[in-house]
Structure formats: structure tokens, C-alpha cells
């Protein structure tokens, strides 16, 4: 039975409405998924440099001669690996070392003599102090005896006065009065002798003090002379030590010998003559420049980065990982300098050479797509 045209038209209408419903539902689902991804999935934000090139992390150092003595030893050859402080070339320093030993022996002898003088001065001071203490004790004892004698004299004088009064009244005999006079005279003689002895002891103490001061001044004068002799030797010793040190050419840092002059044992090199060039092992850095407005406050130390080298297509060689190690503090011509440390473990690092140009991209932060759009829409627009 043939299907009528009306039924066919009705069926097509129903199918179109059903397809529209499915399309709208799919569009709504896709919008929800997109919104969820835009709000949850974080995308990296990066800043690319204007230019950049590979530079040595440390410049090679040219070593020159500081001695005019003949060479006695050359310990390296071209390309040899050296560590910081290694002796590379040694000039003859035996005469200088002998002179240095003699000067040090003289200085040591003078120092020993000074030490002996200091001990003698110490002994002299101790002996003088001990003698002064003994003299003070003897004088104190004598002063005490003088005091006792003075007291006895006063007592004898009082007795003499009393006996004289009694004698005038004929109440005592002449013998007793004579004994009283005798006691007074003996006391006066005794105190005069004690005072004379006290003066002698004080004079002896002063003489001993003067002698000790004279001896001490003499010893201190000898010590000053020795100190002056040592002071004259010190700059000579330091000069010889410096010249001996200059006879050893040492590696200033770890690296390898990049170039070397024709050096032979017995040869002399004038001071300032080039001997060799030491290339450091610190590798390479990438020196780049960023637009200051893009980098300010965003590019910071330790942020990861990747470098594309113009002479090494990234499709063939890939990108080299790096890390920000320095950010310039001064802006020049609207740009700021950023230095990056290259990943030495990467295979591409072996192809890097000084002066190789490229462009660095620094990962400054991560943000969602929605936040990116908000920032973009909220950023100020230039022009009308």
C-alpha cells in the first residue's frame, strides 16, 4: 500500500524536531564540559625573550710569569685537566728559600733572646718585690721599737723630774737621782741609734729600688733593640715569601689548559710574559633580554625555561631546558637582562658553543583558560 504524502511530511517534521533537540542537548553538554575545563585545567603562562646568546659562565684566564728565575718544572700540557691550586709551572726558588731560612733563623734567635730577657725582667721584678717586702717588715719592726723606746724615755723623763723635785727636798739620795738621769740618757742614745738605723734602712731600700730600676731599664733597652731588629727582618721575610710564592704558577680554578707557550726546563721568562691560558669548567650560560614590561615582577630566579637555538632547528634538535639564575635590576632601552643556567645533562648541551644565538621562553606561572580570558578582557585597550 503506498504511503501518502501527508504521512511522509509528518514523519520528516517529527524527525527534524527530534534532531534539533539532540543537537541542542549536545551543544549544552559541550558548553558545560568546556566551562569545566576552562575553570579547572591550568595552562602555562610564559614570557619569551627578544634575543639571547650563549656566553661562558666564567672567562678564561691568561697566566703570566711573575719571576725572572729559570724554569725547573712544567707539570701540564695542552688540554690537561687541572684543579684549583694545582702547581702548573715552577721557577727556581732555592736561593730565595736559603735566604729565607737564614732570616727566619735570625728572627728566631732574636725572639728567643727577647723571651730570655722577659724572664729575666720577671725574675728581677719578683726579687725586687721580695726584697722590698723584707725591708718594709724590718723598718716596721724598727719603727715599733722606736715607739717603745720613746715611751720608755717619756717614762724616764717623768721619773727624772719627780726625783729632781724629791732631791731638792732632800727626800731621796743622790744615787737614785743619778740612776734616773742615767736612764734618760741611755734611752735617748738608744732612740737616736734606732732612728739612725731606720734612716739607713730607708736609704738602702731607695738604693735597691734605684738599682732595680736601672737594671730593668737596661734590660728593656736590650729588649727594644731586639724588637727593632726583628721588625727590620719581618718585611724582608715577607718579601722573600712573596717572591717564593711567585715562583709557583698555580691554577686559579678548576678547568683545562686551553693554550700553552713553549716552556722548557732551564728557560727563563720575563715577568709579565704569557705562559698559558686556563679555561674554566663552569660551562655556559644563556644571556637574554626581555621586554621590561613583560618581565618586570614576573620573571624571577629559579623559574624554569626552554631555549630554542636559531642555528639548531627545534624540529631536529629539540629545545634545551634551562633555569633563571639572575634577573637584571636595571632597565636599558626598555629591556632587562636575564641570565639562565643551561641543563648540562641534556644531549643538546653538547652542541652548544660560545656565541650561539637563540630565544628563551620562561614559564612564569600557570593559570586556567577562564582566568586568561578574564585578564585579557580586563586589560586596558590602546587607541580609540
Protein backbone atom coordinates (compact mmCIF):
# COMPACT_ATOMS: atom_id res chain seq x y z
CA UNK A 1 0.00 0.00 0.00
CA UNK A 2 1.51 3.34 -0.96
CA UNK A 3 2.41 5.80 1.80
CA UNK A 4 0.59 9.05 1.49
CA UNK A 5 2.47 12.31 1.05
CA UNK A 6 0.98 13.70 4.25
CA UNK A 7 2.37 10.82 6.31
CA UNK A 8 5.81 11.26 4.84
CA UNK A 9 5.78 15.02 5.54
CA UNK A 10 4.58 14.38 9.11
CA UNK A 11 7.40 11.85 9.67
CA UNK A 12 10.03 14.28 8.40
CA UNK A 13 8.73 17.00 10.70
CA UNK A 14 8.95 14.75 13.74
CA UNK A 15 12.47 13.62 12.80
CA UNK A 16 13.66 17.22 12.34
CA UNK A 17 12.28 18.22 15.74
CA UNK A 18 13.98 15.22 17.36
CA UNK A 19 17.30 16.01 15.65
CA UNK A 20 17.12 19.65 16.79
CA UNK A 21 16.53 18.52 20.35
CA UNK A 22 19.53 16.20 20.20
CA UNK A 23 21.68 18.98 18.68
CA UNK A 24 20.72 21.48 21.38
CA UNK A 25 21.34 18.92 24.11
CA UNK A 26 24.79 18.10 22.65
CA UNK A 27 25.68 21.78 22.39
CA UNK A 28 24.68 22.37 26.01
CA UNK A 29 26.74 19.34 27.13
CA UNK A 30 29.75 20.53 25.19
CA UNK A 31 29.39 24.02 26.68
CA UNK A 32 29.30 22.57 30.20
CA UNK A 33 32.37 20.43 29.53
CA UNK A 34 34.21 23.40 28.04
CA UNK A 35 33.31 25.58 31.01
CA UNK A 36 34.52 22.90 33.43
CA UNK A 37 37.81 22.53 31.55
CA UNK A 38 38.27 26.28 31.31
CA UNK A 39 37.81 26.68 35.07
CA UNK A 40 39.81 23.65 36.27
CA UNK A 41 42.59 22.81 33.82
CA UNK A 42 45.64 25.06 34.34
CA UNK A 43 47.65 26.16 31.35
CA UNK A 44 51.20 27.52 31.50
CA UNK A 45 51.90 31.23 31.06
CA UNK A 46 55.27 32.08 29.59
CA UNK A 47 57.33 35.09 28.51
CA UNK A 48 59.63 34.95 25.50
CA UNK A 49 62.88 36.88 25.22
CA UNK A 50 63.66 39.36 22.47
CA UNK A 51 67.08 37.83 21.81
CA UNK A 52 69.84 35.88 23.53
CA UNK A 53 73.17 34.18 23.07
CA UNK A 54 75.39 31.61 24.76
CA UNK A 55 78.26 33.00 26.85
CA UNK A 56 80.92 31.37 29.02
CA UNK A 57 79.95 31.15 32.69
CA UNK A 58 83.49 32.33 33.53
CA UNK A 59 86.04 33.89 31.22
CA UNK A 60 89.32 32.06 30.51
CA UNK A 61 92.30 33.33 32.48
CA UNK A 62 95.71 34.02 30.97
CA UNK A 63 98.55 33.18 33.37
CA UNK A 64 101.75 35.20 33.16
CA UNK A 65 105.19 34.90 34.72
CA UNK A 66 105.97 36.79 37.93
CA UNK A 67 109.56 35.56 38.25
CA UNK A 68 112.69 36.01 36.20
CA UNK A 69 114.32 32.83 37.53
CA UNK A 70 114.79 29.77 35.27
CA UNK A 71 112.00 27.21 35.00
CA UNK A 72 112.67 23.97 36.91
CA UNK A 73 109.39 22.15 36.30
CA UNK A 74 106.42 22.21 33.90
CA UNK A 75 103.64 19.95 35.20
CA UNK A 76 100.97 20.32 32.48
CA UNK A 77 100.45 20.03 28.77
CA UNK A 78 97.84 21.37 26.37
CA UNK A 79 94.36 20.03 27.19
CA UNK A 80 95.26 18.71 30.66
CA UNK A 81 92.58 18.90 33.36
CA UNK A 82 93.60 20.92 36.45
CA UNK A 83 92.06 21.67 39.83
CA UNK A 84 92.15 24.95 41.70
CA UNK A 85 95.55 25.43 43.38
CA UNK A 86 97.44 22.87 41.26
CA UNK A 87 101.05 23.84 40.51
CA UNK A 88 101.37 24.32 36.74
CA UNK A 89 104.86 25.79 36.39
CA UNK A 90 107.62 26.14 38.99
CA UNK A 91 110.55 28.54 38.76
CA UNK A 92 113.82 28.11 40.64
CA UNK A 93 113.38 29.36 44.21
CA UNK A 94 116.22 27.51 46.05
CA UNK A 95 118.40 30.65 46.62
CA UNK A 96 115.39 32.53 47.88
CA UNK A 97 114.44 29.67 50.22
CA UNK A 98 118.00 29.56 51.64
CA UNK A 99 117.94 33.30 52.28
CA UNK A 100 114.52 32.94 53.87
CA UNK A 101 115.77 30.18 56.19
CA UNK A 102 118.69 32.38 57.32
CA UNK A 103 116.42 35.33 58.02
CA UNK A 104 113.96 33.15 59.92
CA UNK A 105 116.80 31.68 61.98
CA UNK A 106 118.00 35.19 62.89
CA UNK A 107 114.49 36.26 63.75
CA UNK A 108 114.02 33.11 65.83
CA UNK A 109 117.29 33.75 67.69
CA UNK A 110 116.25 37.32 68.46
CA UNK A 111 112.84 36.09 69.60
CA UNK A 112 114.50 33.56 71.96
CA UNK A 113 116.73 36.31 73.36
CA UNK A 114 113.70 38.50 73.94
CA UNK A 115 111.95 35.68 75.72
CA UNK A 116 115.02 35.21 77.94
CA UNK A 117 115.08 38.94 78.67
CA UNK A 118 111.40 38.87 79.59
CA UNK A 119 112.06 36.03 82.02
CA UNK A 120 115.00 37.96 83.49
CA UNK A 121 112.87 41.07 83.88
CA UNK A 122 110.19 38.99 85.55
CA UNK A 123 112.74 37.46 87.95
CA UNK A 124 114.17 40.92 88.66
CA UNK A 125 110.73 42.31 89.46
CA UNK A 126 109.94 39.34 91.72
CA UNK A 127 113.28 39.64 93.58
CA UNK A 128 112.85 43.41 93.98
CA UNK A 129 109.34 42.94 95.31
CA UNK A 130 110.51 40.27 97.78
CA UNK A 131 113.43 42.46 98.96
CA UNK A 132 111.18 45.49 99.34
CA UNK A 133 108.71 43.47 101.40
CA UNK A 134 111.51 42.25 103.70
CA UNK A 135 112.86 45.79 104.09
CA UNK A 136 109.39 47.10 104.87
CA UNK A 137 108.90 44.43 107.53
CA UNK A 138 112.31 45.28 109.11
CA UNK A 139 111.53 49.00 109.09
CA UNK A 140 108.09 48.42 110.55
CA UNK A 141 109.68 46.39 113.33
CA UNK A 142 112.26 49.11 113.92
CA UNK A 143 109.57 51.80 113.95
CA UNK A 144 107.71 49.79 116.56
CA UNK A 145 110.89 49.53 118.62
CA UNK A 146 111.42 53.30 118.28
CA UNK A 147 107.91 53.84 119.58
CA UNK A 148 108.55 51.62 122.55
CA UNK A 149 111.85 53.44 123.26
CA UNK A 150 110.11 56.82 123.05
CA UNK A 151 107.55 55.61 125.57
CA UNK A 152 110.33 54.47 127.92
CA UNK A 153 112.11 57.82 127.54
CA UNK A 154 108.95 59.71 128.41
CA UNK A 155 108.55 57.48 131.46
CA UNK A 156 112.23 58.01 132.44
CA UNK A 157 111.93 61.79 131.93
CA UNK A 158 108.88 61.87 134.17
CA UNK A 159 110.74 59.83 136.79
CA UNK A 160 113.77 62.17 136.48
CA UNK A 161 111.55 65.22 137.02
CA UNK A 162 109.96 63.62 140.06
CA UNK A 163 113.29 62.52 141.51
CA UNK A 164 114.73 66.01 140.93
CA UNK A 165 111.89 67.54 142.95
CA UNK A 166 112.35 64.98 145.69
CA UNK A 167 116.12 65.52 145.62
CA UNK A 168 115.67 69.25 146.08
CA UNK A 169 113.65 68.45 149.18
CA UNK A 170 116.30 66.02 150.38
CA UNK A 171 113.71 63.18 150.28
CA UNK A 172 115.83 60.77 148.09
CA UNK A 173 119.52 60.11 147.96
CA UNK A 174 121.82 61.27 145.18
CA UNK A 175 122.36 57.71 143.90
CA UNK A 176 118.72 57.26 142.97
CA UNK A 177 118.67 60.64 141.26
CA UNK A 178 121.83 59.74 139.32
CA UNK A 179 120.25 56.47 138.15
CA UNK A 180 117.21 58.40 136.90
CA UNK A 181 119.45 60.75 134.89
CA UNK A 182 121.35 57.73 133.52
CA UNK A 183 118.14 56.00 132.39
CA UNK A 184 117.07 59.07 130.45
CA UNK A 185 120.42 59.41 128.70
CA UNK A 186 120.52 55.71 127.78
CA UNK A 187 117.02 55.94 126.32
CA UNK A 188 117.92 58.98 124.25
CA UNK A 189 121.03 57.29 122.90
CA UNK A 190 119.05 54.15 122.07
CA UNK A 191 116.35 56.05 120.17
CA UNK A 192 118.96 58.05 118.27
CA UNK A 193 120.64 54.78 117.25
CA UNK A 194 117.27 53.30 116.19
CA UNK A 195 116.40 56.37 114.18
CA UNK A 196 119.79 56.31 112.52
CA UNK A 197 119.29 52.63 111.66
CA UNK A 198 115.81 53.40 110.29
CA UNK A 199 117.23 56.14 108.06
CA UNK A 200 119.91 53.75 106.86
CA UNK A 201 117.34 51.08 106.02
CA UNK A 202 115.22 53.60 104.12
CA UNK A 203 118.32 54.73 102.21
CA UNK A 204 119.20 51.10 101.49
CA UNK A 205 115.68 50.48 100.22
CA UNK A 206 115.92 53.52 97.95
CA UNK A 207 119.31 52.39 96.64
CA UNK A 208 117.91 48.91 95.94
CA UNK A 209 114.92 50.44 94.16
CA UNK A 210 117.17 52.65 92.05
CA UNK A 211 119.40 49.71 91.19
CA UNK A 212 116.39 47.59 90.23
CA UNK A 213 115.03 50.42 88.06
CA UNK A 214 118.44 50.82 86.40
CA UNK A 215 118.70 47.09 85.69
CA UNK A 216 115.15 47.00 84.41
CA UNK A 217 115.78 49.98 82.12
CA UNK A 218 118.90 48.27 80.79
CA UNK A 219 117.01 45.03 80.08
CA UNK A 220 114.11 46.90 78.49
CA UNK A 221 116.60 48.77 76.31
CA UNK A 222 118.08 45.47 75.12
CA UNK A 223 114.56 44.15 74.51
CA UNK A 224 113.72 47.24 72.45
CA UNK A 225 116.85 46.73 70.36
CA UNK A 226 115.91 43.11 69.71
CA UNK A 227 112.35 44.11 68.84
CA UNK A 228 113.72 46.65 66.38
CA UNK A 229 115.98 44.03 64.79
CA UNK A 230 113.01 41.66 64.40
CA UNK A 231 110.90 44.49 62.94
CA UNK A 232 113.59 45.07 60.31
CA UNK A 233 113.62 41.37 59.40
CA UNK A 234 109.84 40.99 59.09
CA UNK A 235 109.42 42.92 55.79
CA UNK A 236 112.46 41.13 54.34
CA UNK A 237 110.93 37.77 55.28
CA UNK A 238 107.56 38.73 53.79
CA UNK A 239 109.21 39.93 50.59
CA UNK A 240 111.10 36.63 50.21
CA UNK A 241 107.93 34.65 50.94
CA UNK A 242 106.10 36.65 48.27
CA UNK A 243 108.88 36.06 45.74
CA UNK A 244 108.90 32.34 46.55
CA UNK A 245 105.14 32.22 46.11
CA UNK A 246 105.51 33.99 42.76
CA UNK A 247 107.86 31.22 41.62
CA UNK A 248 104.87 28.83 41.69
CA UNK A 249 102.28 29.32 38.95
CA UNK A 250 99.02 27.77 40.22
CA UNK A 251 95.64 27.11 38.63
CA UNK A 252 93.16 29.81 39.76
CA UNK A 253 90.19 27.46 39.35
CA UNK A 254 89.24 24.03 38.04
CA UNK A 255 89.40 23.72 34.29
CA UNK A 256 91.70 22.65 31.49
CA UNK A 257 94.72 24.09 29.70
CA UNK A 258 93.33 25.81 26.60
CA UNK A 259 96.67 27.14 25.34
CA UNK A 260 100.27 26.97 26.49
CA UNK A 261 103.56 28.56 25.46
CA UNK A 262 106.67 26.58 24.52
CA UNK A 263 108.10 26.07 28.01
CA UNK A 264 111.24 24.05 28.74
CA UNK A 265 113.22 23.38 31.90
CA UNK A 266 116.05 25.89 32.29
CA UNK A 267 114.24 28.53 30.25
CA UNK A 268 113.71 31.97 31.78
CA UNK A 269 110.55 34.01 31.26
CA UNK A 270 110.49 37.72 31.90
CA UNK A 271 107.91 38.94 34.42
CA UNK A 272 104.63 39.52 32.60
CA UNK A 273 105.37 37.02 29.83
CA UNK A 274 102.37 34.86 28.85
CA UNK A 275 102.66 31.24 29.95
CA UNK A 276 99.28 29.58 29.37
CA UNK A 277 95.50 30.02 29.31
CA UNK A 278 93.23 28.14 31.70
CA UNK A 279 89.63 27.59 30.55
CA UNK A 280 87.16 27.12 33.45
CA UNK A 281 84.92 24.09 33.80
CA UNK A 282 81.87 26.12 34.76
CA UNK A 283 80.36 25.67 31.28
CA UNK A 284 77.99 28.06 29.52
CA UNK A 285 75.13 30.37 30.36
CA UNK A 286 72.43 31.89 28.17
CA UNK A 287 72.34 35.67 28.27
CA UNK A 288 68.99 37.01 27.08
CA UNK A 289 66.98 40.23 27.02
CA UNK A 290 63.26 40.55 27.76
CA UNK A 291 60.87 43.41 27.24
CA UNK A 292 60.90 45.12 30.63
CA UNK A 293 57.10 45.49 30.71
CA UNK A 294 56.70 41.72 30.20
CA UNK A 295 59.43 40.60 32.60
CA UNK A 296 59.04 43.09 35.47
CA UNK A 297 57.68 41.32 38.53
CA UNK A 298 57.08 38.10 36.60
CA UNK A 299 60.47 36.65 35.67
CA UNK A 300 62.20 35.50 38.86
CA UNK A 301 65.22 33.42 39.85
CA UNK A 302 64.80 29.60 39.74
CA UNK A 303 61.92 29.71 37.23
CA UNK A 304 62.16 27.01 34.53
CA UNK A 305 62.77 27.94 30.91
CA UNK A 306 63.43 26.46 27.49
CA UNK A 307 65.76 27.73 24.80
CA UNK A 308 65.42 27.48 21.04
CA UNK A 309 68.66 27.97 19.09
CA UNK A 310 68.34 29.57 15.67
CA UNK A 311 71.21 27.54 14.19
CA UNK A 312 69.81 24.28 15.62
CA UNK A 313 66.22 23.83 14.41
CA UNK A 314 63.99 22.63 17.23
CA UNK A 315 62.26 20.17 14.91
CA UNK A 316 65.57 18.32 14.59
CA UNK A 317 67.46 19.12 17.82
CA UNK A 318 64.61 19.98 20.19
CA UNK A 319 64.69 22.60 22.97
CA UNK A 320 67.21 22.91 25.78
CA UNK A 321 65.94 23.16 29.37
CA UNK A 322 67.30 25.99 31.48
CA UNK A 323 66.78 27.82 34.78
CA UNK A 324 66.78 31.53 35.59
CA UNK A 325 69.82 32.37 37.76
CA UNK A 326 69.97 36.19 37.52
CA UNK A 327 67.49 38.96 36.69
CA UNK A 328 68.89 42.39 35.94
CA UNK A 329 67.83 45.19 38.26
CA UNK A 330 68.33 47.99 35.72
CA UNK A 331 66.31 48.62 32.58
CA UNK A 332 68.08 49.66 29.39
CA UNK A 333 66.25 50.72 26.23
CA UNK A 334 63.06 49.16 27.58
CA UNK A 335 64.75 45.78 28.11
CA UNK A 336 66.02 43.84 31.10
CA UNK A 337 68.82 41.24 31.08
CA UNK A 338 68.07 37.71 32.30
CA UNK A 339 70.76 35.04 32.66
CA UNK A 340 69.88 31.35 32.52
CA UNK A 341 71.78 28.24 33.54
CA UNK A 342 71.75 25.51 30.89
CA UNK A 343 70.95 21.87 31.63
CA UNK A 344 74.30 20.10 31.23
CA UNK A 345 72.71 16.66 31.27
CA UNK A 346 70.71 17.28 28.12
CA UNK A 347 72.03 15.87 24.84
CA UNK A 348 71.63 19.23 23.10
CA UNK A 349 74.13 20.78 25.55
CA UNK A 350 76.99 19.05 23.71
CA UNK A 351 76.18 21.08 20.58
CA UNK A 352 76.25 24.42 22.44
CA UNK A 353 79.14 26.77 21.78
CA UNK A 354 80.08 30.30 22.76
CA UNK A 355 78.11 32.95 20.85
CA UNK A 356 75.30 30.63 19.71
CA UNK A 357 72.15 32.75 19.36
CA UNK A 358 68.61 31.83 20.26
CA UNK A 359 65.47 32.75 22.15
CA UNK A 360 64.46 31.83 25.72
CA UNK A 361 60.93 31.19 26.93
CA UNK A 362 60.45 31.40 30.70
CA UNK A 363 57.50 29.74 32.45
CA UNK A 364 56.36 32.49 34.80
CA UNK A 365 53.10 30.97 36.18
CA UNK A 366 50.17 28.64 35.48
CA UNK A 367 46.55 29.77 35.08
CA UNK A 368 43.20 28.47 33.85
CA UNK A 369 41.76 29.41 30.44
CA UNK A 370 38.90 31.26 32.12
CA UNK A 371 41.33 33.43 34.11
CA UNK A 372 43.30 34.10 30.94
CA UNK A 373 40.15 35.34 29.20
CA UNK A 374 39.20 37.49 32.20
CA UNK A 375 42.66 39.04 32.27
CA UNK A 376 42.53 39.60 28.52
CA UNK A 377 39.10 41.23 28.64
CA UNK A 378 40.06 43.28 31.68
CA UNK A 379 43.35 44.57 30.23
CA UNK A 380 43.32 48.24 29.09
CA UNK A 381 42.99 48.87 25.35
CA UNK A 382 45.03 51.40 23.47
CA UNK A 383 43.58 53.76 20.85
CA UNK A 384 40.02 54.99 20.28
